[in-house]
PDB file of N, CA and C in Angstrom:
ATOM      1  N   LEU A   1     -17.772   0.774 -15.187  1.00  0.00           N
ATOM      2  CA  LEU A   1     -17.048   1.721 -16.015  1.00  0.00           C
ATOM      3  C   LEU A   1     -16.909   3.056 -15.291  1.00  0.00           C
ATOM      4  N   PHE A   2     -17.980   3.484 -14.661  1.00  0.00           N
ATOM      5  CA  PHE A   2     -17.937   4.740 -13.911  1.00  0.00           C
ATOM      6  C   PHE A   2     -16.882   4.662 -12.811  1.00  0.00           C
ATOM      7  N   GLN A   3     -16.818   3.530 -12.138  1.00  0.00           N
ATOM      8  CA  GLN A   3     -15.833   3.364 -11.068  1.00  0.00           C
ATOM      9  C   GLN A   3     -14.412   3.425 -11.611  1.00  0.00           C
ATOM     10  N   LEU A   4     -14.180   2.828 -12.762  1.00  0.00           N
ATOM     11  CA  LEU A   4     -12.855   2.896 -13.366  1.00  0.00           C
ATOM     12  C   LEU A   4     -12.506   4.337 -13.722  1.00  0.00           C
ATOM     13  N   ARG A   5     -13.468   5.058 -14.247  1.00  0.00           N
ATOM     14  CA  ARG A   5     -13.223   6.455 -14.626  1.00  0.00           C
ATOM     15  C   ARG A   5     -12.918   7.340 -13.425  1.00  0.00           C
ATOM     16  N   THR A   6     -13.577   7.090 -12.307  1.00  0.00           N
ATOM     17  CA  THR A   6     -13.385   7.938 -11.127  1.00  0.00           C
ATOM     18  C   THR A   6     -12.280   7.432 -10.206  1.00  0.00           C
ATOM     19  N   GLY A   7     -11.829   6.202 -10.420  1.00  0.00           N
ATOM     20  CA  GLY A   7     -10.795   5.633  -9.562  1.00  0.00           C
ATOM     21  C   GLY A   7     -11.332   5.045  -8.275  1.00  0.00           C
ATOM     22  N   HIS A   8     -12.649   5.011  -8.133  1.00  0.00           N
ATOM     23  CA  HIS A   8     -13.272   4.425  -6.936  1.00  0.00           C
ATOM     24  C   HIS A   8     -13.538   2.946  -7.179  1.00  0.00           C
ATOM     25  N   VAL A   9     -12.456   2.208  -7.238  1.00  0.00           N
ATOM     26  CA  VAL A   9     -12.501   0.781  -7.552  1.00  0.00           C
ATOM     27  C   VAL A   9     -11.746   0.004  -6.481  1.00  0.00           C
ATOM     28  N   PRO A  10     -11.993  -1.284  -6.376  1.00  0.00           N
ATOM     29  CA  PRO A  10     -11.289  -2.075  -5.370  1.00  0.00           C
ATOM     30  C   PRO A  10      -9.844  -2.397  -5.767  1.00  0.00           C
ATOM     31  N   LEU A  11      -9.087  -1.350  -6.026  1.00  0.00           N
ATOM     32  CA  LEU A  11      -7.650  -1.468  -6.243  1.00  0.00           C
ATOM     33  C   LEU A  11      -6.971  -0.819  -5.045  1.00  0.00           C
ATOM     34  N   ASN A  12      -5.781  -1.262  -4.731  1.00  0.00           N
ATOM     35  CA  ASN A  12      -5.144  -0.829  -3.488  1.00  0.00           C
ATOM     36  C   ASN A  12      -4.946   0.674  -3.354  1.00  0.00           C
ATOM     37  N   SER A  13      -4.760   1.399  -4.446  1.00  0.00           N
ATOM     38  CA  SER A  13      -4.590   2.851  -4.315  1.00  0.00           C
ATOM     39  C   SER A  13      -5.833   3.471  -3.681  1.00  0.00           C
ATOM     40  N   HIS A  14      -7.000   3.049  -4.119  1.00  0.00           N
ATOM     41  CA  HIS A  14      -8.253   3.570  -3.552  1.00  0.00           C
ATOM     42  C   HIS A  14      -8.537   2.944  -2.186  1.00  0.00           C
ATOM     43  N   LEU A  15      -8.379   1.637  -2.076  1.00  0.00           N
ATOM     44  CA  LEU A  15      -8.672   0.957  -0.813  1.00  0.00           C
ATOM     45  C   LEU A  15      -7.793   1.482   0.325  1.00  0.00           C
ATOM     46  N   HIS A  16      -6.541   1.787   0.023  1.00  0.00           N
ATOM     47  CA  HIS A  16      -5.642   2.345   1.041  1.00  0.00           C
ATOM     48  C   HIS A  16      -6.106   3.742   1.462  1.00  0.00           C
ATOM     49  N   ARG A  17      -6.532   4.525   0.503  1.00  0.00           N
ATOM     50  CA  ARG A  17      -7.009   5.888   0.776  1.00  0.00           C
ATOM     51  C   ARG A  17      -8.214   5.879   1.719  1.00  0.00           C
ATOM     52  N   ILE A  18      -9.070   4.864   1.625  1.00  0.00           N
ATOM     53  CA  ILE A  18     -10.266   4.808   2.478  1.00  0.00           C
ATOM     54  C   ILE A  18     -10.083   3.875   3.679  1.00  0.00           C
ATOM     55  N   GLY A  19      -8.843   3.446   3.913  1.00  0.00           N
ATOM     56  CA  GLY A  19      -8.543   2.641   5.091  1.00  0.00           C
ATOM     57  C   GLY A  19      -8.900   1.174   4.994  1.00  0.00           C
ATOM     58  N   LYS A  20      -9.059   0.647   3.778  1.00  0.00           N
ATOM     59  CA  LYS A  20      -9.431  -0.761   3.602  1.00  0.00           C
ATOM     60  C   LYS A  20      -8.260  -1.634   3.146  1.00  0.00           C
ATOM     61  N   ALA A  21      -7.096  -1.030   2.938  1.00  0.00           N
ATOM     62  CA  ALA A  21      -5.901  -1.789   2.562  1.00  0.00           C
ATOM     63  C   ALA A  21      -4.709  -1.199   3.303  1.00  0.00           C
ATOM     64  N   ASP A  22      -3.771  -2.056   3.652  1.00  0.00           N
ATOM     65  CA  ASP A  22      -2.588  -1.612   4.388  1.00  0.00           C
ATOM     66  C   ASP A  22      -1.637  -0.784   3.534  1.00  0.00           C
ATOM     67  N   SER A  23      -1.651  -1.028   2.229  1.00  0.00           N
ATOM     68  CA  SER A  23      -0.699  -0.377   1.336  1.00  0.00           C
ATOM     69  C   SER A  23      -1.387  -0.029   0.016  1.00  0.00           C
ATOM     70  N   PRO A  24      -0.944   1.028  -0.660  1.00  0.00           N
ATOM     71  CA  PRO A  24      -1.494   1.343  -1.976  1.00  0.00           C
ATOM     72  C   PRO A  24      -0.818   0.550  -3.091  1.00  0.00           C
ATOM     73  N   ASN A  25       0.157  -0.269  -2.750  1.00  0.00           N
ATOM     74  CA  ASN A  25       0.961  -0.959  -3.749  1.00  0.00           C
ATOM     75  C   ASN A  25       0.249  -2.150  -4.373  1.00  0.00           C
ATOM     76  N   CYS A  26       0.620  -2.427  -5.614  1.00  0.00           N
ATOM     77  CA  CYS A  26       0.088  -3.580  -6.337  1.00  0.00           C
ATOM     78  C   CYS A  26       0.598  -4.855  -5.673  1.00  0.00           C
ATOM     79  N   PRO A  27      -0.291  -5.787  -5.338  1.00  0.00           N
ATOM     80  CA  PRO A  27       0.147  -7.026  -4.688  1.00  0.00           C
ATOM     81  C   PRO A  27       0.975  -7.917  -5.616  1.00  0.00           C
ATOM     82  N   HIS A  28       0.862  -7.716  -6.924  1.00  0.00           N
ATOM     83  CA  HIS A  28       1.602  -8.531  -7.883  1.00  0.00           C
ATOM     84  C   HIS A  28       2.982  -7.957  -8.173  1.00  0.00           C
ATOM     85  N   CYS A  29       3.140  -6.666  -7.987  1.00  0.00           N
ATOM     86  CA  CYS A  29       4.385  -5.992  -8.366  1.00  0.00           C
ATOM     87  C   CYS A  29       5.201  -5.527  -7.167  1.00  0.00           C
ATOM     88  N   ASP A  30       4.719  -5.741  -5.982  1.00  0.00           N
ATOM     89  CA  ASP A  30       5.385  -5.299  -4.759  1.00  0.00           C
ATOM     90  C   ASP A  30       6.411  -6.352  -4.345  1.00  0.00           C
ATOM     91  N   THR A  31       7.566  -6.354  -5.037  1.00  0.00           N
ATOM     92  CA  THR A  31       8.578  -7.376  -4.782  1.00  0.00           C
ATOM     93  C   THR A  31       9.971  -6.775  -4.696  1.00  0.00           C
ATOM     94  N   ALA A  32      10.786  -7.368  -3.893  1.00  0.00           N
ATOM     95  CA  ALA A  32      12.222  -7.057  -3.791  1.00  0.00           C
ATOM     96  C   ALA A  32      12.532  -5.564  -3.822  1.00  0.00           C
ATOM     97  N   GLY A  33      11.843  -4.818  -3.007  1.00  0.00           N
ATOM     98  CA  GLY A  33      12.117  -3.392  -2.916  1.00  0.00           C
ATOM     99  C   GLY A  33      11.516  -2.558  -4.029  1.00  0.00           C
ATOM    100  N   ARG A  34      10.947  -3.205  -5.022  1.00  0.00           N
ATOM    101  CA  ARG A  34      10.310  -2.483  -6.126  1.00  0.00           C
ATOM    102  C   ARG A  34       8.826  -2.363  -5.809  1.00  0.00           C
ATOM    103  N   THR A  35       8.330  -1.156  -5.738  1.00  0.00           N
ATOM    104  CA  THR A  35       6.909  -0.966  -5.445  1.00  0.00           C
ATOM    105  C   THR A  35       6.246  -0.186  -6.568  1.00  0.00           C
ATOM    106  N   THR A  36       5.038  -0.571  -6.866  1.00  0.00           N
ATOM    107  CA  THR A  36       4.227   0.100  -7.871  1.00  0.00           C
ATOM    108  C   THR A  36       2.851   0.305  -7.276  1.00  0.00           C
ATOM    109  N   ILE A  37       2.371   1.520  -7.297  1.00  0.00           N
ATOM    110  CA  ILE A  37       1.038   1.799  -6.765  1.00  0.00           C
ATOM    111  C   ILE A  37       0.000   1.207  -7.705  1.00  0.00           C
ATOM    112  N   GLU A  38      -0.967   0.513  -7.133  1.00  0.00           N
ATOM    113  CA  GLU A  38      -2.012  -0.148  -7.923  1.00  0.00           C
ATOM    114  C   GLU A  38      -3.110   0.861  -8.264  1.00  0.00           C
ATOM    115  N   THR A  39      -2.903   1.542  -9.378  1.00  0.00           N
ATOM    116  CA  THR A  39      -3.872   2.517  -9.884  1.00  0.00           C
ATOM    117  C   THR A  39      -4.672   1.879 -11.014  1.00  0.00           C
ATOM    118  N   VAL A  40      -5.684   2.575 -11.492  1.00  0.00           N
ATOM    119  CA  VAL A  40      -6.462   2.096 -12.636  1.00  0.00           C
ATOM    120  C   VAL A  40      -5.546   1.954 -13.846  1.00  0.00           C
ATOM    121  N   LYS A  41      -4.690   2.942 -14.079  1.00  0.00           N
ATOM    122  CA  LYS A  41      -3.753   2.884 -15.214  1.00  0.00           C
ATOM    123  C   LYS A  41      -2.856   1.652 -15.104  1.00  0.00           C
ATOM    124  N   HIS A  42      -2.309   1.407 -13.932  1.00  0.00           N
ATOM    125  CA  HIS A  42      -1.445   0.239 -13.742  1.00  0.00           C
ATOM    126  C   HIS A  42      -2.229  -1.053 -13.992  1.00  0.00           C
ATOM    127  N   TYR A  43      -3.409  -1.144 -13.419  1.00  0.00           N
ATOM    128  CA  TYR A  43      -4.252  -2.335 -13.557  1.00  0.00           C
ATOM    129  C   TYR A  43      -4.613  -2.613 -15.019  1.00  0.00           C
ATOM    130  N   LEU A  44      -4.977  -1.577 -15.754  1.00  0.00           N
ATOM    131  CA  LEU A  44      -5.434  -1.774 -17.129  1.00  0.00           C
ATOM    132  C   LEU A  44      -4.308  -1.848 -18.154  1.00  0.00           C
ATOM    133  N   THR A  45      -3.216  -1.130 -17.944  1.00  0.00           N
ATOM    134  CA  THR A  45      -2.226  -1.019 -19.016  1.00  0.00           C
ATOM    135  C   THR A  45      -0.817  -1.498 -18.685  1.00  0.00           C
ATOM    136  N   GLU A  46      -0.524  -1.807 -17.418  1.00  0.00           N
ATOM    137  CA  GLU A  46       0.869  -2.088 -17.074  1.00  0.00           C
ATOM    138  C   GLU A  46       1.130  -3.387 -16.320  1.00  0.00           C
ATOM    139  N   CYS A  47       0.261  -3.791 -15.434  1.00  0.00           N
ATOM    140  CA  CYS A  47       0.554  -4.885 -14.506  1.00  0.00           C
ATOM    141  C   CYS A  47       0.845  -6.197 -15.247  1.00  0.00           C
ATOM    142  N   PRO A  48       2.033  -6.774 -15.016  1.00  0.00           N
ATOM    143  CA  PRO A  48       2.378  -8.022 -15.694  1.00  0.00           C
ATOM    144  C   PRO A  48       1.488  -9.204 -15.302  1.00  0.00           C
ATOM    145  N   ALA A  49       0.833  -9.128 -14.171  1.00  0.00           N
ATOM    146  CA  ALA A  49      -0.044 -10.221 -13.747  1.00  0.00           C
ATOM    147  C   ALA A  49      -1.234 -10.398 -14.689  1.00  0.00           C
ATOM    148  N   TYR A  50      -1.579  -9.345 -15.421  1.00  0.00           N
ATOM    149  CA  TYR A  50      -2.739  -9.397 -16.313  1.00  0.00           C
ATOM    150  C   TYR A  50      -2.325  -9.346 -17.783  1.00  0.00           C
ATOM    151  N   ARG A  51      -1.118  -9.784 -18.064  1.00  0.00           N
ATOM    152  CA  ARG A  51      -0.571  -9.749 -19.427  1.00  0.00           C
ATOM    153  C   ARG A  51      -1.462 -10.509 -20.413  1.00  0.00           C
ATOM    154  N   LYS A  52      -1.920 -11.690 -20.009  1.00  0.00           N
ATOM    155  CA  LYS A  52      -2.742 -12.520 -20.905  1.00  0.00           C
ATOM    156  C   LYS A  52      -4.060 -11.817 -21.249  1.00  0.00           C
ATOM    157  N   GLU A  53      -4.724 -11.261 -20.235  1.00  0.00           N
ATOM    158  CA  GLU A  53      -5.990 -10.561 -20.463  1.00  0.00           C
ATOM    159  C   GLU A  53      -5.772  -9.306 -21.307  1.00  0.00           C
ATOM    160  N   ARG A  54      -4.645  -8.618 -21.073  1.00  0.00           N
ATOM    161  CA  ARG A  54      -4.332  -7.407 -21.835  1.00  0.00           C
ATOM    162  C   ARG A  54      -4.056  -7.749 -23.299  1.00  0.00           C
ATOM    163  N   PHE A  55      -3.413  -8.898 -23.526  1.00  0.00           N
ATOM    164  CA  PHE A  55      -3.154  -9.353 -24.888  1.00  0.00           C
ATOM    165  C   PHE A  55      -4.473  -9.555 -25.635  1.00  0.00           C
ATOM    166  N   ARG A  56      -5.432 -10.192 -24.967  1.00  0.00           N
ATOM    167  CA  ARG A  56      -6.755 -10.391 -25.581  1.00  0.00           C
ATOM    168  C   ARG A  56      -7.422  -9.054 -25.891  1.00  0.00           C
ATOM    169  N   LEU A  57      -7.289  -8.112 -24.976  1.00  0.00           N
ATOM    170  CA  LEU A  57      -7.862  -6.779 -25.169  1.00  0.00           C
ATOM    171  C   LEU A  57      -7.226  -6.103 -26.384  1.00  0.00           C
ATOM    172  N   ARG A  58      -5.914  -6.229 -26.526  1.00  0.00           N
ATOM    173  CA  ARG A  58      -5.217  -5.628 -27.672  1.00  0.00           C
ATOM    174  C   ARG A  58      -5.605  -6.305 -28.975  1.00  0.00           C
ATOM    175  N   GLN A  59      -5.856  -7.609 -28.937  1.00  0.00           N
ATOM    176  CA  GLN A  59      -6.296  -8.308 -30.147  1.00  0.00           C
ATOM    177  C   GLN A  59      -7.621  -7.747 -30.642  1.00  0.00           C
ATOM    178  N   LYS A  60      -8.503  -7.400 -29.723  1.00  0.00           N
ATOM    179  CA  LYS A  60      -9.830  -6.889 -30.082  1.00  0.00           C
ATOM    180  C   LYS A  60      -9.801  -5.419 -30.481  1.00  0.00           C
ATOM    181  N   LEU A  61      -8.984  -4.616 -29.775  1.00  0.00           N
ATOM    182  CA  LEU A  61      -9.052  -3.162 -29.940  1.00  0.00           C
ATOM    183  C   LEU A  61      -7.808  -2.523 -30.545  1.00  0.00           C
ATOM    184  N   GLY A  62      -6.739  -3.270 -30.673  1.00  0.00           N
ATOM    185  CA  GLY A  62      -5.524  -2.720 -31.262  1.00  0.00           C
ATOM    186  C   GLY A  62      -4.607  -2.049 -30.251  1.00  0.00           C
ATOM    187  N   ARG A  63      -3.585  -1.406 -30.785  1.00  0.00           N
ATOM    188  CA  ARG A  63      -2.533  -0.812 -29.959  1.00  0.00           C
ATOM    189  C   ARG A  63      -3.009   0.358 -29.114  1.00  0.00           C
ATOM    190  N   GLN A  64      -4.138   0.933 -29.455  1.00  0.00           N
ATOM    191  CA  GLN A  64      -4.645   2.076 -28.692  1.00  0.00           C
ATOM    192  C   GLN A  64      -4.980   1.703 -27.248  1.00  0.00           C
ATOM    193  N   THR A  65      -5.011   0.420 -26.950  1.00  0.00           N
ATOM    194  CA  THR A  65      -5.339  -0.007 -25.584  1.00  0.00           C
ATOM    195  C   THR A  65      -4.282   0.431 -24.579  1.00  0.00           C
ATOM    196  N   ARG A  66      -3.176   0.949 -25.058  1.00  0.00           N
ATOM    197  CA  ARG A  66      -2.164   1.497 -24.141  1.00  0.00           C
ATOM    198  C   ARG A  66      -2.596   2.847 -23.587  1.00  0.00           C
ATOM    199  N   SER A  67      -3.616   3.421 -24.198  1.00  0.00           N
ATOM    200  CA  SER A  67      -4.120   4.727 -23.768  1.00  0.00           C
ATOM    201  C   SER A  67      -5.291   4.548 -22.807  1.00  0.00           C
ATOM    202  N   LEU A  68      -5.101   4.993 -21.584  1.00  0.00           N
ATOM    203  CA  LEU A  68      -6.167   4.911 -20.588  1.00  0.00           C
ATOM    204  C   LEU A  68      -7.369   5.744 -21.024  1.00  0.00           C
ATOM    205  N   GLN A  69      -7.113   6.904 -21.593  1.00  0.00           N
ATOM    206  CA  GLN A  69      -8.199   7.771 -22.057  1.00  0.00           C
ATOM    207  C   GLN A  69      -9.044   7.054 -23.111  1.00  0.00           C
ATOM    208  N   TYR A  70      -8.404   6.385 -24.039  1.00  0.00           N
ATOM    209  CA  TYR A  70      -9.122   5.635 -25.073  1.00  0.00           C
ATOM    210  C   TYR A  70      -9.977   4.530 -24.446  1.00  0.00           C
ATOM    211  N   LEU A  71      -9.388   3.754 -23.562  1.00  0.00           N
ATOM    212  CA  LEU A  71     -10.113   2.641 -22.940  1.00  0.00           C
ATOM    213  C   LEU A  71     -11.343   3.098 -22.168  1.00  0.00           C
ATOM    214  N   LEU A  72     -11.234   4.241 -21.502  1.00  0.00           N
ATOM    215  CA  LEU A  72     -12.319   4.689 -20.634  1.00  0.00           C
ATOM    216  C   LEU A  72     -13.310   5.628 -21.310  1.00  0.00           C
ATOM    217  N   SER A  73     -13.051   6.004 -22.569  1.00  0.00           N
ATOM    218  CA  SER A  73     -13.965   6.964 -23.194  1.00  0.00           C
ATOM    219  C   SER A  73     -14.602   6.499 -24.500  1.00  0.00           C
ATOM    220  N   ASP A  74     -13.997   5.553 -25.188  1.00  0.00           N
ATOM    221  CA  ASP A  74     -14.548   5.112 -26.468  1.00  0.00           C
ATOM    222  C   ASP A  74     -15.605   4.030 -26.243  1.00  0.00           C
ATOM    223  N   LYS A  75     -16.787   4.232 -26.799  1.00  0.00           N
ATOM    224  CA  LYS A  75     -17.911   3.303 -26.590  1.00  0.00           C
ATOM    225  C   LYS A  75     -17.591   1.873 -27.006  1.00  0.00           C
ATOM    226  N   LYS A  76     -16.824   1.721 -28.080  1.00  0.00           N
ATOM    227  CA  LYS A  76     -16.553   0.357 -28.550  1.00  0.00           C
ATOM    228  C   LYS A  76     -15.661  -0.426 -27.584  1.00  0.00           C
ATOM    229  N   CYS A  77     -15.024   0.263 -26.652  1.00  0.00           N
ATOM    230  CA  CYS A  77     -14.163  -0.409 -25.670  1.00  0.00           C
ATOM    231  C   CYS A  77     -14.959  -1.045 -24.531  1.00  0.00           C
ATOM    232  N   ILE A  78     -16.144  -0.550 -24.270  1.00  0.00           N
ATOM    233  CA  ILE A  78     -16.890  -0.945 -23.072  1.00  0.00           C
ATOM    234  C   ILE A  78     -17.040  -2.460 -22.920  1.00  0.00           C
ATOM    235  N   PRO A  79     -17.581  -3.178 -23.913  1.00  0.00           N
ATOM    236  CA  PRO A  79     -17.749  -4.625 -23.687  1.00  0.00           C
ATOM    237  C   PRO A  79     -16.414  -5.349 -23.493  1.00  0.00           C
ATOM    238  N   HIS A  80     -15.390  -4.907 -24.197  1.00  0.00           N
ATOM    239  CA  HIS A  80     -14.077  -5.543 -24.086  1.00  0.00           C
ATOM    240  C   HIS A  80     -13.415  -5.219 -22.749  1.00  0.00           C
ATOM    241  N   LEU A  81     -13.629  -4.005 -22.281  1.00  0.00           N
ATOM    242  CA  LEU A  81     -13.090  -3.598 -20.984  1.00  0.00           C
ATOM    243  C   LEU A  81     -13.753  -4.391 -19.859  1.00  0.00           C
ATOM    244  N   LEU A  82     -15.057  -4.578 -19.962  1.00  0.00           N
ATOM    245  CA  LEU A  82     -15.765  -5.375 -18.959  1.00  0.00           C
ATOM    246  C   LEU A  82     -15.312  -6.836 -18.995  1.00  0.00           C
ATOM    247  N   GLN A  83     -15.021  -7.330 -20.189  1.00  0.00           N
ATOM    248  CA  GLN A  83     -14.492  -8.686 -20.329  1.00  0.00           C
ATOM    249  C   GLN A  83     -13.110  -8.788 -19.669  1.00  0.00           C
ATOM    250  N   TYR A  84     -12.300  -7.758 -19.844  1.00  0.00           N
ATOM    251  CA  TYR A  84     -10.973  -7.712 -19.218  1.00  0.00           C
ATOM    252  C   TYR A  84     -11.101  -7.769 -17.701  1.00  0.00           C
ATOM    253  N   VAL A  85     -11.956  -6.936 -17.146  1.00  0.00           N
ATOM    254  CA  VAL A  85     -12.149  -6.903 -15.691  1.00  0.00           C
ATOM    255  C   VAL A  85     -12.613  -8.273 -15.197  1.00  0.00           C
ATOM    256  N   GLY A  86     -13.556  -8.888 -15.914  1.00  0.00           N
ATOM    257  CA  GLY A  86     -14.029 -10.220 -15.535  1.00  0.00           C
ATOM    258  C   GLY A  86     -12.929 -11.262 -15.626  1.00  0.00           C
ATOM    259  N   GLY A  87     -12.113 -11.168 -16.663  1.00  0.00           N
ATOM    260  CA  GLY A  87     -11.027 -12.122 -16.860  1.00  0.00           C
ATOM    261  C   GLY A  87      -9.936 -12.026 -15.812  1.00  0.00           C
ATOM    262  N   THR A  88      -9.692 -10.825 -15.317  1.00  0.00           N
ATOM    263  CA  THR A  88      -8.647 -10.647 -14.303  1.00  0.00           C
ATOM    264  C   THR A  88      -9.131 -11.032 -12.915  1.00  0.00           C
ATOM    265  N   LYS A  89     -10.436 -11.088 -12.752  1.00  0.00           N
ATOM    266  CA  LYS A  89     -11.043 -11.356 -11.442  1.00  0.00           C
ATOM    267  C   LYS A  89     -10.546 -10.350 -10.400  1.00  0.00           C
ATOM    268  N   GLY A  90     -10.138  -9.186 -10.884  1.00  0.00           N
ATOM    269  CA  GLY A  90      -9.577  -8.163 -10.018  1.00  0.00           C
ATOM    270  C   GLY A  90     -10.544  -7.597  -9.002  1.00  0.00           C
ATOM    271  N   PHE A  91     -11.818  -7.587  -9.318  1.00  0.00           N
ATOM    272  CA  PHE A  91     -12.794  -6.991  -8.411  1.00  0.00           C
ATOM    273  C   PHE A  91     -13.625  -8.058  -7.719  1.00  0.00           C
ATOM    274  N   GLU A  92     -13.356  -9.322  -8.013  1.00  0.00           N
ATOM    275  CA  GLU A  92     -14.185 -10.419  -7.524  1.00  0.00           C
ATOM    276  C   GLU A  92     -14.239 -10.504  -5.999  1.00  0.00           C
ATOM    277  N   LYS A  93     -13.113 -10.377  -5.328  1.00  0.00           N
ATOM    278  CA  LYS A  93     -13.084 -10.532  -3.877  1.00  0.00           C
ATOM    279  C   LYS A  93     -13.987  -9.510  -3.200  1.00  0.00           C
ATOM    280  N   THR A  94     -13.878  -8.268  -3.601  1.00  0.00           N
ATOM    281  CA  THR A  94     -14.683  -7.217  -2.973  1.00  0.00           C
ATOM    282  C   THR A  94     -16.160  -7.457  -3.210  1.00  0.00           C
ATOM    283  N   PHE A  95     -16.543  -7.786  -4.444  1.00  0.00           N
ATOM    284  CA  PHE A  95     -17.952  -8.010  -4.729  1.00  0.00           C
ATOM    285  C   PHE A  95     -18.462  -9.271  -4.046  1.00  0.00           C
ATOM    286  N   ARG A  96     -17.636 -10.304  -3.963  1.00  0.00           N
ATOM    287  CA  ARG A  96     -18.048 -11.528  -3.282  1.00  0.00           C
ATOM    288  C   ARG A  96     -18.262 -11.244  -1.800  1.00  0.00           C
ATOM    289  N   ASP A  97     -17.388 -10.442  -1.195  1.00  0.00           N
ATOM    290  CA  ASP A  97     -17.556 -10.081   0.214  1.00  0.00           C
ATOM    291  C   ASP A  97     -18.875  -9.355   0.430  1.00  0.00           C
ATOM    292  N   GLU A  98     -19.225  -8.465  -0.472  1.00  0.00           N
ATOM    293  CA  GLU A  98     -20.479  -7.728  -0.350  1.00  0.00           C
ATOM    294  C   GLU A  98     -21.680  -8.662  -0.493  1.00  0.00           C
ATOM    295  N   MET A  99     -21.557  -9.659  -1.358  1.00  0.00           N
ATOM    296  CA  MET A  99     -22.667 -10.577  -1.585  1.00  0.00           C
ATOM    297  C   MET A  99     -22.836 -11.546  -0.413  1.00  0.00           C
ATOM    298  N   THR A 100     -21.730 -11.967   0.206  1.00  0.00           N
ATOM    299  CA  THR A 100     -21.838 -12.933   1.292  1.00  0.00           C
ATOM    300  C   THR A 100     -22.052 -12.282   2.647  1.00  0.00           C
ATOM    301  N   HIS A 101     -21.775 -10.992   2.759  1.00  0.00           N
ATOM    302  CA  HIS A 101     -21.967 -10.273   4.015  1.00  0.00           C
ATOM    303  C   HIS A 101     -22.751  -8.986   3.772  1.00  0.00           C
ATOM    304  N   PRO A 102     -23.941  -9.089   3.185  1.00  0.00           N
ATOM    305  CA  PRO A 102     -24.692  -7.862   2.896  1.00  0.00           C
ATOM    306  C   PRO A 102     -25.144  -7.180   4.179  1.00  0.00           C
ATOM    307  N   GLN A 103     -25.256  -5.875   4.105  1.00  0.00           N
ATOM    308  CA  GLN A 103     -25.764  -5.111   5.236  1.00  0.00           C
ATOM    309  C   GLN A 103     -27.280  -5.277   5.273  1.00  0.00           C
ATOM    310  N   PRO A 104     -27.846  -5.604   6.430  1.00  0.00           N
ATOM    311  CA  PRO A 104     -29.305  -5.774   6.497  1.00  0.00           C
ATOM    312  C   PRO A 104     -30.009  -4.439   6.277  1.00  0.00           C
ATOM    313  N   LEU A 105     -31.115  -4.515   5.599  1.00  0.00           N
ATOM    314  CA  LEU A 105     -31.932  -3.327   5.390  1.00  0.00           C
ATOM    315  C   LEU A 105     -32.917  -3.224   6.535  1.00  0.00           C
ATOM    316  N   GLU A 106     -32.899  -2.117   7.207  1.00  0.00           N
ATOM    317  CA  GLU A 106     -33.806  -1.918   8.326  1.00  0.00           C
ATOM    318  C   GLU A 106     -34.694  -0.725   8.016  1.00  0.00           C
ATOM    319  N   PRO A 107     -35.957  -0.978   7.723  1.00  0.00           N
ATOM    320  CA  PRO A 107     -36.842   0.139   7.387  1.00  0.00           C
ATOM    321  C   PRO A 107     -37.026   1.069   8.577  1.00  0.00           C
ATOM    322  N   ASN A 108     -37.143   2.309   8.273  1.00  0.00           N
ATOM    323  CA  ASN A 108     -37.390   3.329   9.287  1.00  0.00           C
ATOM    324  C   ASN A 108     -38.889   3.341   9.558  1.00  0.00           C
ATOM    325  N   ASP A 109     -39.289   3.034  10.797  1.00  0.00           N
ATOM    326  CA  ASP A 109     -40.711   2.948  11.141  1.00  0.00           C
ATOM    327  C   ASP A 109     -41.468   4.231  10.819  1.00  0.00           C
ATOM    328  N   GLU A 110     -40.799   5.362  10.930  1.00  0.00           N
ATOM    329  CA  GLU A 110     -41.472   6.631  10.647  1.00  0.00           C
ATOM    330  C   GLU A 110     -41.794   6.770   9.171  1.00  0.00           C
ATOM    331  N   GLN A 111     -40.996   6.146   8.302  1.00  0.00           N
ATOM    332  CA  GLN A 111     -41.216   6.265   6.871  1.00  0.00           C
ATOM    333  C   GLN A 111     -42.240   5.267   6.355  1.00  0.00           C
ATOM    334  N   MET A 112     -42.435   4.174   7.049  1.00  0.00           N
ATOM    335  CA  MET A 112     -43.314   3.123   6.544  1.00  0.00           C
ATOM    336  C   MET A 112     -44.739   3.593   6.289  1.00  0.00           C
ATOM    337  N   PRO A 113     -45.391   4.347   7.177  1.00  0.00           N
ATOM    338  CA  PRO A 113     -46.749   4.774   6.872  1.00  0.00           C
ATOM    339  C   PRO A 113     -46.844   5.624   5.603  1.00  0.00           C
ATOM    340  N   SER A 114     -45.815   6.410   5.315  1.00  0.00           N
ATOM    341  CA  SER A 114     -45.858   7.241   4.116  1.00  0.00           C
ATOM    342  C   SER A 114     -45.758   6.409   2.849  1.00  0.00           C
ATOM    343  N   LEU A 115     -45.328   5.165   2.976  1.00  0.00           N
ATOM    344  CA  LEU A 115     -45.251   4.279   1.830  1.00  0.00           C
ATOM    345  C   LEU A 115     -46.523   3.452   1.676  1.00  0.00           C
ATOM    346  N   GLY A 116     -47.492   3.718   2.527  1.00  0.00           N
ATOM    347  CA  GLY A 116     -48.747   2.987   2.460  1.00  0.00           C
ATOM    348  C   GLY A 116     -48.671   1.639   3.141  1.00  0.00           C
ATOM    349  N   MET A 117     -47.681   1.436   3.994  1.00  0.00           N
ATOM    350  CA  MET A 117     -47.533   0.167   4.700  1.00  0.00           C
ATOM    351  C   MET A 117     -47.908   0.361   6.154  1.00  0.00           C
ATOM    352  N   ARG A 118     -48.366  -0.702   6.727  1.00  0.00           N
ATOM    353  CA  ARG A 118     -48.713  -0.639   8.147  1.00  0.00           C
ATOM    354  C   ARG A 118     -47.517  -1.002   9.001  1.00  0.00           C
ATOM    355  N   THR A 119     -47.434  -0.377  10.147  1.00  0.00           N
ATOM    356  CA  THR A 119     -46.416  -0.748  11.123  1.00  0.00           C
ATOM    357  C   THR A 119     -47.082  -1.577  12.195  1.00  0.00           C
ATOM    358  N   LYS A 120     -46.293  -2.291  12.943  1.00  0.00           N
ATOM    359  CA  LYS A 120     -46.827  -3.154  14.003  1.00  0.00           C
ATOM    360  C   LYS A 120     -47.486  -2.369  15.091  1.00  0.00           C
TER     361      LYS A 120
END
């Protein structure tokens, strides 16, 4: 939820800004000369690729789901919003990449004695 609020999510607008995507455009809407930047607002309230998930969200929360402010600030939206994200599988690739290619943790030898651990 925090990531959605700040825009630091694995959507192309953010990924392009940090050099992880070639384009900020939505991969579902980037067709025939028509481009749409993949923002949080687009992902949650506009993208036709997620019409089915958005319909379910509207069934649970009503017409106010067109308001990004409502979705990201009202407590009752949280479980439904998380269900929407899970249903779209929009963040799955990035999280799966992190899980299958985790960065190894390398303890700093200088810090280990202060933690009460012995070094070799």
